[in-house]
PDB file of N, CA and C in Angstrom:
ATOM      1  N   MET A   1       0.829  -1.191   0.000  1.00  0.00           N
ATOM      2  CA  MET A   1       0.000   0.000   0.000  1.00  0.00           C
ATOM      3  C   MET A   1       0.867   1.246   0.000  1.00  0.00           C
ATOM      4  N   LYS A   2       2.124   1.107  -0.343  1.00  0.00           N
ATOM      5  CA  LYS A   2       3.036   2.246  -0.383  1.00  0.00           C
ATOM      6  C   LYS A   2       2.762   3.184  -1.550  1.00  0.00           C
ATOM      7  N   ASP A   3       2.099   2.707  -2.567  1.00  0.00           N
ATOM      8  CA  ASP A   3       1.929   3.489  -3.790  1.00  0.00           C
ATOM      9  C   ASP A   3       0.637   4.302  -3.820  1.00  0.00           C
ATOM     10  N   TYR A   4       0.034   4.521  -2.670  1.00  0.00           N
ATOM     11  CA  TYR A   4      -1.194   5.304  -2.675  1.00  0.00           C
ATOM     12  C   TYR A   4      -0.877   6.778  -2.923  1.00  0.00           C
ATOM     13  N   ILE A   5      -1.839   7.489  -3.443  1.00  0.00           N
ATOM     14  CA  ILE A   5      -1.702   8.927  -3.682  1.00  0.00           C
ATOM     15  C   ILE A   5      -2.684   9.625  -2.750  1.00  0.00           C
ATOM     16  N   PRO A   6      -2.171  10.417  -1.800  1.00  0.00           N
ATOM     17  CA  PRO A   6      -3.088  11.084  -0.873  1.00  0.00           C
ATOM     18  C   PRO A   6      -3.972  12.090  -1.607  1.00  0.00           C
ATOM     19  N   ALA A   7      -5.190  12.229  -1.132  1.00  0.00           N
ATOM     20  CA  ALA A   7      -6.106  13.201  -1.716  1.00  0.00           C
ATOM     21  C   ALA A   7      -5.554  14.601  -1.506  1.00  0.00           C
ATOM     22  N   LYS A   8      -5.792  15.446  -2.462  1.00  0.00           N
ATOM     23  CA  LYS A   8      -5.340  16.827  -2.344  1.00  0.00           C
ATOM     24  C   LYS A   8      -6.327  17.613  -1.496  1.00  0.00           C
ATOM     25  N   GLN A   9      -5.787  18.481  -0.668  1.00  0.00           N
ATOM     26  CA  GLN A   9      -6.630  19.322   0.160  1.00  0.00           C
ATOM     27  C   GLN A   9      -7.153  20.457  -0.705  1.00  0.00           C
ATOM     28  N   HIS A  10      -8.465  20.620  -0.727  1.00  0.00           N
ATOM     29  CA  HIS A  10      -9.070  21.646  -1.568  1.00  0.00           C
ATOM     30  C   HIS A  10      -9.429  22.906  -0.794  1.00  0.00           C
ATOM     31  N   THR A  11      -9.524  22.773   0.495  1.00  0.00           N
ATOM     32  CA  THR A  11      -9.871  23.926   1.307  1.00  0.00           C
ATOM     33  C   THR A  11      -9.258  23.762   2.693  1.00  0.00           C
ATOM     34  N   SER A  12      -8.942  24.863   3.307  1.00  0.00           N
ATOM     35  CA  SER A  12      -8.441  24.779   4.679  1.00  0.00           C
ATOM     36  C   SER A  12      -9.600  25.112   5.620  1.00  0.00           C
ATOM     37  N   VAL A  13      -9.546  24.533   6.796  1.00  0.00           N
ATOM     38  CA  VAL A  13     -10.614  24.702   7.772  1.00  0.00           C
ATOM     39  C   VAL A  13     -10.020  25.304   9.041  1.00  0.00           C
ATOM     40  N   THR A  14     -10.662  26.303   9.572  1.00  0.00           N
ATOM     41  CA  THR A  14     -10.218  26.909  10.823  1.00  0.00           C
ATOM     42  C   THR A  14     -10.746  26.074  11.995  1.00  0.00           C
ATOM     43  N   PRO A  15     -10.184  26.246  13.182  1.00  0.00           N
ATOM     44  CA  PRO A  15     -10.726  25.541  14.347  1.00  0.00           C
ATOM     45  C   PRO A  15     -12.216  25.816  14.563  1.00  0.00           C
ATOM     46  N   GLY A  16     -12.629  27.054  14.389  1.00  0.00           N
ATOM     47  CA  GLY A  16     -14.046  27.391  14.554  1.00  0.00           C
ATOM     48  C   GLY A  16     -14.931  26.692  13.542  1.00  0.00           C
ATOM     49  N   GLU A  17     -14.466  26.623  12.306  1.00  0.00           N
ATOM     50  CA  GLU A  17     -15.230  25.924  11.272  1.00  0.00           C
ATOM     51  C   GLU A  17     -15.300  24.433  11.583  1.00  0.00           C
ATOM     52  N   SER A  18     -14.221  23.901  12.138  1.00  0.00           N
ATOM     53  CA  SER A  18     -14.197  22.498  12.530  1.00  0.00           C
ATOM     54  C   SER A  18     -15.263  22.220  13.589  1.00  0.00           C
ATOM     55  N   VAL A  19     -15.369  23.099  14.577  1.00  0.00           N
ATOM     56  CA  VAL A  19     -16.399  22.958  15.609  1.00  0.00           C
ATOM     57  C   VAL A  19     -17.783  22.967  14.959  1.00  0.00           C
ATOM     58  N   ARG A  20     -18.018  23.923  14.079  1.00  0.00           N
ATOM     59  CA  ARG A  20     -19.334  24.048  13.424  1.00  0.00           C
ATOM     60  C   ARG A  20     -19.657  22.808  12.604  1.00  0.00           C
ATOM     61  N   ILE A  21     -18.688  22.338  11.825  1.00  0.00           N
ATOM     62  CA  ILE A  21     -18.921  21.180  10.956  1.00  0.00           C
ATOM     63  C   ILE A  21     -19.269  19.951  11.785  1.00  0.00           C
ATOM     64  N   ILE A  22     -18.487  19.688  12.816  1.00  0.00           N
ATOM     65  CA  ILE A  22     -18.741  18.501  13.634  1.00  0.00           C
ATOM     66  C   ILE A  22     -20.062  18.639  14.385  1.00  0.00           C
ATOM     67  N   ARG A  23     -20.352  19.852  14.866  1.00  0.00           N
ATOM     68  CA  ARG A  23     -21.635  20.085  15.549  1.00  0.00           C
ATOM     69  C   ARG A  23     -22.802  19.824  14.606  1.00  0.00           C
ATOM     70  N   GLU A  24     -22.714  20.352  13.393  1.00  0.00           N
ATOM     71  CA  GLU A  24     -23.794  20.173  12.429  1.00  0.00           C
ATOM     72  C   GLU A  24     -23.929  18.720  11.978  1.00  0.00           C
ATOM     73  N   LEU A  25     -22.810  18.012  11.826  1.00  0.00           N
ATOM     74  CA  LEU A  25     -22.872  16.595  11.466  1.00  0.00           C
ATOM     75  C   LEU A  25     -23.602  15.778  12.527  1.00  0.00           C
ATOM     76  N   GLN A  26     -23.510  16.227  13.768  1.00  0.00           N
ATOM     77  CA  GLN A  26     -24.197  15.539  14.861  1.00  0.00           C
ATOM     78  C   GLN A  26     -25.591  16.107  15.106  1.00  0.00           C
ATOM     79  N   GLU A  27     -26.007  17.007  14.209  1.00  0.00           N
ATOM     80  CA  GLU A  27     -27.340  17.609  14.245  1.00  0.00           C
ATOM     81  C   GLU A  27     -27.636  18.292  15.584  1.00  0.00           C
ATOM     82  N   LEU A  28     -26.631  18.999  16.087  1.00  0.00           N
ATOM     83  CA  LEU A  28     -26.792  19.772  17.311  1.00  0.00           C
ATOM     84  C   LEU A  28     -26.878  21.254  16.974  1.00  0.00           C
ATOM     85  N   SER A  29     -27.737  21.959  17.665  1.00  0.00           N
ATOM     86  CA  SER A  29     -27.768  23.417  17.538  1.00  0.00           C
ATOM     87  C   SER A  29     -26.702  23.998  18.464  1.00  0.00           C
ATOM     88  N   GLN A  30     -26.415  25.262  18.284  1.00  0.00           N
ATOM     89  CA  GLN A  30     -25.489  25.919  19.205  1.00  0.00           C
ATOM     90  C   GLN A  30     -26.048  25.897  20.622  1.00  0.00           C
ATOM     91  N   ASN A  31     -27.346  26.067  20.757  1.00  0.00           N
ATOM     92  CA  ASN A  31     -27.971  26.034  22.087  1.00  0.00           C
ATOM     93  C   ASN A  31     -27.836  24.663  22.735  1.00  0.00           C
ATOM     94  N   GLN A  32     -28.012  23.606  21.956  1.00  0.00           N
ATOM     95  CA  GLN A  32     -27.869  22.258  22.502  1.00  0.00           C
ATOM     96  C   GLN A  32     -26.428  21.997  22.936  1.00  0.00           C
ATOM     97  N   LEU A  33     -25.471  22.443  22.112  1.00  0.00           N
ATOM     98  CA  LEU A  33     -24.067  22.267  22.466  1.00  0.00           C
ATOM     99  C   LEU A  33     -23.728  23.076  23.718  1.00  0.00           C
ATOM    100  N   ALA A  34     -24.300  24.248  23.827  1.00  0.00           N
ATOM    101  CA  ALA A  34     -24.091  25.077  25.020  1.00  0.00           C
ATOM    102  C   ALA A  34     -24.600  24.360  26.274  1.00  0.00           C
ATOM    103  N   GLU A  35     -25.754  23.714  26.169  1.00  0.00           N
ATOM    104  CA  GLU A  35     -26.306  22.973  27.309  1.00  0.00           C
ATOM    105  C   GLU A  35     -25.407  21.793  27.681  1.00  0.00           C
ATOM    106  N   LEU A  36     -24.849  21.111  26.674  1.00  0.00           N
ATOM    107  CA  LEU A  36     -23.985  19.958  26.930  1.00  0.00           C
ATOM    108  C   LEU A  36     -22.656  20.342  27.565  1.00  0.00           C
ATOM    109  N   THR A  37     -22.167  21.541  27.239  1.00  0.00           N
ATOM    110  CA  THR A  37     -20.818  21.928  27.646  1.00  0.00           C
ATOM    111  C   THR A  37     -20.762  22.945  28.780  1.00  0.00           C
ATOM    112  N   GLY A  38     -21.818  23.700  28.968  1.00  0.00           N
ATOM    113  CA  GLY A  38     -21.769  24.800  29.928  1.00  0.00           C
ATOM    114  C   GLY A  38     -21.106  26.037  29.359  1.00  0.00           C
ATOM    115  N   ILE A  39     -20.751  25.995  28.086  1.00  0.00           N
ATOM    116  CA  ILE A  39     -20.173  27.154  27.400  1.00  0.00           C
ATOM    117  C   ILE A  39     -21.340  27.964  26.830  1.00  0.00           C
ATOM    118  N   PRO A  40     -21.413  29.250  27.087  1.00  0.00           N
ATOM    119  CA  PRO A  40     -22.532  30.049  26.564  1.00  0.00           C
ATOM    120  C   PRO A  40     -22.658  29.953  25.036  1.00  0.00           C
ATOM    121  N   GLN A  41     -23.889  29.978  24.577  1.00  0.00           N
ATOM    122  CA  GLN A  41     -24.150  29.909  23.135  1.00  0.00           C
ATOM    123  C   GLN A  41     -23.460  31.044  22.411  1.00  0.00           C
ATOM    124  N   SER A  42     -23.401  32.219  23.003  1.00  0.00           N
ATOM    125  CA  SER A  42     -22.747  33.363  22.361  1.00  0.00           C
ATOM    126  C   SER A  42     -21.249  33.098  22.172  1.00  0.00           C
ATOM    127  N   THR A  43     -20.645  32.396  23.123  1.00  0.00           N
ATOM    128  CA  THR A  43     -19.223  32.051  23.009  1.00  0.00           C
ATOM    129  C   THR A  43     -19.020  31.023  21.902  1.00  0.00           C
ATOM    130  N   ILE A  44     -19.908  30.036  21.827  1.00  0.00           N
ATOM    131  CA  ILE A  44     -19.822  29.041  20.751  1.00  0.00           C
ATOM    132  C   ILE A  44     -19.960  29.725  19.401  1.00  0.00           C
ATOM    133  N   SER A  45     -20.885  30.651  19.287  1.00  0.00           N
ATOM    134  CA  SER A  45     -21.055  31.408  18.047  1.00  0.00           C
ATOM    135  C   SER A  45     -19.786  32.183  17.697  1.00  0.00           C
ATOM    136  N   SER A  46     -19.177  32.801  18.692  1.00  0.00           N
ATOM    137  CA  SER A  46     -17.945  33.569  18.472  1.00  0.00           C
ATOM    138  C   SER A  46     -16.783  32.668  18.062  1.00  0.00           C
ATOM    139  N   ILE A  47     -16.709  31.475  18.643  1.00  0.00           N
ATOM    140  CA  ILE A  47     -15.668  30.517  18.266  1.00  0.00           C
ATOM    141  C   ILE A  47     -15.862  30.101  16.814  1.00  0.00           C
ATOM    142  N   GLU A  48     -17.091  29.731  16.472  1.00  0.00           N
ATOM    143  CA  GLU A  48     -17.379  29.255  15.113  1.00  0.00           C
ATOM    144  C   GLU A  48     -17.133  30.324  14.058  1.00  0.00           C
ATOM    145  N   SER A  49     -17.361  31.567  14.409  1.00  0.00           N
ATOM    146  CA  SER A  49     -17.169  32.645  13.435  1.00  0.00           C
ATOM    147  C   SER A  49     -15.745  33.195  13.447  1.00  0.00           C
ATOM    148  N   GLY A  50     -14.918  32.702  14.377  1.00  0.00           N
ATOM    149  CA  GLY A  50     -13.526  33.132  14.419  1.00  0.00           C
ATOM    150  C   GLY A  50     -13.282  34.434  15.158  1.00  0.00           C
ATOM    151  N   ARG A  51     -14.292  34.934  15.866  1.00  0.00           N
ATOM    152  CA  ARG A  51     -14.117  36.190  16.602  1.00  0.00           C
ATOM    153  C   ARG A  51     -13.291  35.994  17.866  1.00  0.00           C
ATOM    154  N   ILE A  52     -13.349  34.791  18.448  1.00  0.00           N
ATOM    155  CA  ILE A  52     -12.495  34.483  19.599  1.00  0.00           C
ATOM    156  C   ILE A  52     -11.810  33.143  19.348  1.00  0.00           C
ATOM    157  N   ASN A  53     -10.669  32.963  19.976  1.00  0.00           N
ATOM    158  CA  ASN A  53      -9.909  31.719  19.812  1.00  0.00           C
ATOM    159  C   ASN A  53     -10.567  30.585  20.572  1.00  0.00           C
ATOM    160  N   LEU A  54     -10.410  29.393  20.036  1.00  0.00           N
ATOM    161  CA  LEU A  54     -10.978  28.213  20.665  1.00  0.00           C
ATOM    162  C   LEU A  54     -10.321  27.934  22.012  1.00  0.00           C
ATOM    163  N   GLY A  55      -9.012  27.883  22.052  1.00  0.00           N
ATOM    164  CA  GLY A  55      -8.296  27.610  23.288  1.00  0.00           C
ATOM    165  C   GLY A  55      -8.337  26.136  23.651  1.00  0.00           C
ATOM    166  N   VAL A  56      -7.297  25.684  24.320  1.00  0.00           N
ATOM    167  CA  VAL A  56      -7.150  24.267  24.629  1.00  0.00           C
ATOM    168  C   VAL A  56      -8.221  23.786  25.608  1.00  0.00           C
ATOM    169  N   GLU A  57      -8.483  24.543  26.654  1.00  0.00           N
ATOM    170  CA  GLU A  57      -9.458  24.095  27.654  1.00  0.00           C
ATOM    171  C   GLU A  57     -10.866  24.004  27.064  1.00  0.00           C
ATOM    172  N   ARG A  58     -11.258  25.001  26.290  1.00  0.00           N
ATOM    173  CA  ARG A  58     -12.578  24.932  25.648  1.00  0.00           C
ATOM    174  C   ARG A  58     -12.612  23.802  24.633  1.00  0.00           C
ATOM    175  N   ALA A  59     -11.493  23.562  23.938  1.00  0.00           N
ATOM    176  CA  ALA A  59     -11.433  22.462  22.970  1.00  0.00           C
ATOM    177  C   ALA A  59     -11.673  21.130  23.664  1.00  0.00           C
ATOM    178  N   LYS A  60     -11.113  20.954  24.866  1.00  0.00           N
ATOM    179  CA  LYS A  60     -11.312  19.703  25.613  1.00  0.00           C
ATOM    180  C   LYS A  60     -12.790  19.503  25.953  1.00  0.00           C
ATOM    181  N   VAL A  61     -13.423  20.566  26.417  1.00  0.00           N
ATOM    182  CA  VAL A  61     -14.836  20.488  26.805  1.00  0.00           C
ATOM    183  C   VAL A  61     -15.711  20.218  25.582  1.00  0.00           C
ATOM    184  N   LEU A  62     -15.461  20.959  24.499  1.00  0.00           N
ATOM    185  CA  LEU A  62     -16.244  20.765  23.272  1.00  0.00           C
ATOM    186  C   LEU A  62     -16.012  19.388  22.682  1.00  0.00           C
ATOM    187  N   ALA A  63     -14.765  18.935  22.667  1.00  0.00           N
ATOM    188  CA  ALA A  63     -14.445  17.617  22.107  1.00  0.00           C
ATOM    189  C   ALA A  63     -15.154  16.512  22.874  1.00  0.00           C
ATOM    190  N   SER A  64     -15.212  16.639  24.174  1.00  0.00           N
ATOM    191  CA  SER A  64     -15.911  15.640  24.977  1.00  0.00           C
ATOM    192  C   SER A  64     -17.392  15.576  24.590  1.00  0.00           C
ATOM    193  N   ALA A  65     -18.012  16.730  24.447  1.00  0.00           N
ATOM    194  CA  ALA A  65     -19.428  16.784  24.080  1.00  0.00           C
ATOM    195  C   ALA A  65     -19.657  16.310  22.637  1.00  0.00           C
ATOM    196  N   LEU A  66     -18.696  16.595  21.755  1.00  0.00           N
ATOM    197  CA  LEU A  66     -18.827  16.227  20.339  1.00  0.00           C
ATOM    198  C   LEU A  66     -18.266  14.832  20.045  1.00  0.00           C
ATOM    199  N   LYS A  67     -17.737  14.185  21.079  1.00  0.00           N
ATOM    200  CA  LYS A  67     -17.214  12.816  20.966  1.00  0.00           C
ATOM    201  C   LYS A  67     -16.105  12.710  19.916  1.00  0.00           C
ATOM    202  N   CYS A  68     -15.141  13.621  20.022  1.00  0.00           N
ATOM    203  CA  CYS A  68     -13.985  13.586  19.128  1.00  0.00           C
ATOM    204  C   CYS A  68     -12.746  13.958  19.937  1.00  0.00           C
ATOM    205  N   HIS A  69     -11.589  13.813  19.350  1.00  0.00           N
ATOM    206  CA  HIS A  69     -10.348  14.182  20.029  1.00  0.00           C
ATOM    207  C   HIS A  69     -10.175  15.700  19.935  1.00  0.00           C
ATOM    208  N   PRO A  70      -9.694  16.340  20.999  1.00  0.00           N
ATOM    209  CA  PRO A  70      -9.511  17.803  20.951  1.00  0.00           C
ATOM    210  C   PRO A  70      -8.621  18.266  19.796  1.00  0.00           C
ATOM    211  N   ALA A  71      -7.665  17.452  19.392  1.00  0.00           N
ATOM    212  CA  ALA A  71      -6.777  17.838  18.287  1.00  0.00           C
ATOM    213  C   ALA A  71      -7.547  18.030  16.984  1.00  0.00           C
ATOM    214  N   VAL A  72      -8.652  17.313  16.828  1.00  0.00           N
ATOM    215  CA  VAL A  72      -9.480  17.469  15.625  1.00  0.00           C
ATOM    216  C   VAL A  72     -10.015  18.893  15.548  1.00  0.00           C
ATOM    217  N   LEU A  73     -10.300  19.466  16.692  1.00  0.00           N
ATOM    218  CA  LEU A  73     -10.822  20.836  16.737  1.00  0.00           C
ATOM    219  C   LEU A  73      -9.716  21.879  16.690  1.00  0.00           C
ATOM    220  N   VAL A  74      -8.636  21.637  17.413  1.00  0.00           N
ATOM    221  CA  VAL A  74      -7.565  22.630  17.526  1.00  0.00           C
ATOM    222  C   VAL A  74      -6.697  22.688  16.274  1.00  0.00           C
ATOM    223  N   PHE A  75      -6.432  21.528  15.670  1.00  0.00           N
ATOM    224  CA  PHE A  75      -5.550  21.445  14.498  1.00  0.00           C
ATOM    225  C   PHE A  75      -6.266  20.785  13.322  1.00  0.00           C
ATOM    226  N   PRO A  76      -7.346  21.379  12.807  1.00  0.00           N
ATOM    227  CA  PRO A  76      -8.129  20.700  11.770  1.00  0.00           C
ATOM    228  C   PRO A  76      -7.388  20.475  10.458  1.00  0.00           C
ATOM    229  N   GLY A  77      -6.414  21.283  10.144  1.00  0.00           N
ATOM    230  CA  GLY A  77      -5.704  21.141   8.879  1.00  0.00           C
ATOM    231  C   GLY A  77      -4.370  20.451   8.995  1.00  0.00           C
ATOM    232  N   TRP A  78      -4.015  19.995  10.198  1.00  0.00           N
ATOM    233  CA  TRP A  78      -2.703  19.399  10.419  1.00  0.00           C
ATOM    234  C   TRP A  78      -2.616  18.052   9.755  1.00  0.00           C
ATOM    235  N   ARG A  79      -1.462  17.829   9.130  1.00  0.00           N
ATOM    236  CA  ARG A  79      -1.249  16.576   8.429  1.00  0.00           C
ATOM    237  C   ARG A  79       0.161  16.099   8.717  1.00  0.00           C
ATOM    238  N   LEU A  80       0.317  14.851   9.062  1.00  0.00           N
ATOM    239  CA  LEU A  80       1.617  14.283   9.347  1.00  0.00           C
ATOM    240  C   LEU A  80       2.311  13.958   8.046  1.00  0.00           C
ATOM    241  N   ASP A  81       3.492  14.520   7.860  1.00  0.00           N
ATOM    242  CA  ASP A  81       4.312  14.191   6.693  1.00  0.00           C
ATOM    243  C   ASP A  81       5.000  12.871   6.990  1.00  0.00           C
ATOM    244  N   ASN A  82       4.846  11.908   6.100  1.00  0.00           N
ATOM    245  CA  ASN A  82       5.400  10.563   6.341  1.00  0.00           C
ATOM    246  C   ASN A  82       6.912  10.594   6.592  1.00  0.00           C
ATOM    247  N   SER A  83       7.611  11.575   6.067  1.00  0.00           N
ATOM    248  CA  SER A  83       9.046  11.637   6.303  1.00  0.00           C
ATOM    249  C   SER A  83       9.358  12.044   7.742  1.00  0.00           C
ATOM    250  N   ASP A  84       8.369  12.644   8.442  1.00  0.00           N
ATOM    251  CA  ASP A  84       8.560  13.043   9.834  1.00  0.00           C
ATOM    252  C   ASP A  84       8.168  11.943  10.800  1.00  0.00           C
ATOM    253  N   ALA A  85       7.457  10.943  10.325  1.00  0.00           N
ATOM    254  CA  ALA A  85       6.950   9.881  11.201  1.00  0.00           C
ATOM    255  C   ALA A  85       8.085   8.978  11.669  1.00  0.00           C
ATOM    256  N   ALA A  86       7.933   8.475  12.872  1.00  0.00           N
ATOM    257  CA  ALA A  86       8.932   7.529  13.404  1.00  0.00           C
ATOM    258  C   ALA A  86       8.834   6.231  12.616  1.00  0.00           C
ATOM    259  N   ALA A  87       9.968   5.678  12.332  1.00  0.00           N
ATOM    260  CA  ALA A  87       9.982   4.444  11.543  1.00  0.00           C
ATOM    261  C   ALA A  87       9.845   3.225  12.415  1.00  0.00           C
TER     262      ALA A  87
END
């Protein structure tokens, strides 16, 4: 399987967009996510729109509610280069 060709990235996603996408995929409203996390809906809106930074602690809380790893939210565009991977 060494000869695979990775898909090309067509768009970059910000941490806030990552939160929105995962929230919408789980069919949650901002209000529902706010209830699950204790984070105000206005703060979730600000995170999704990029007006405020996500931050590691909020990422942990949101990731728990969204059932994903916090890195998915904090580093949505990060990709491991195979030459950097441990052999």
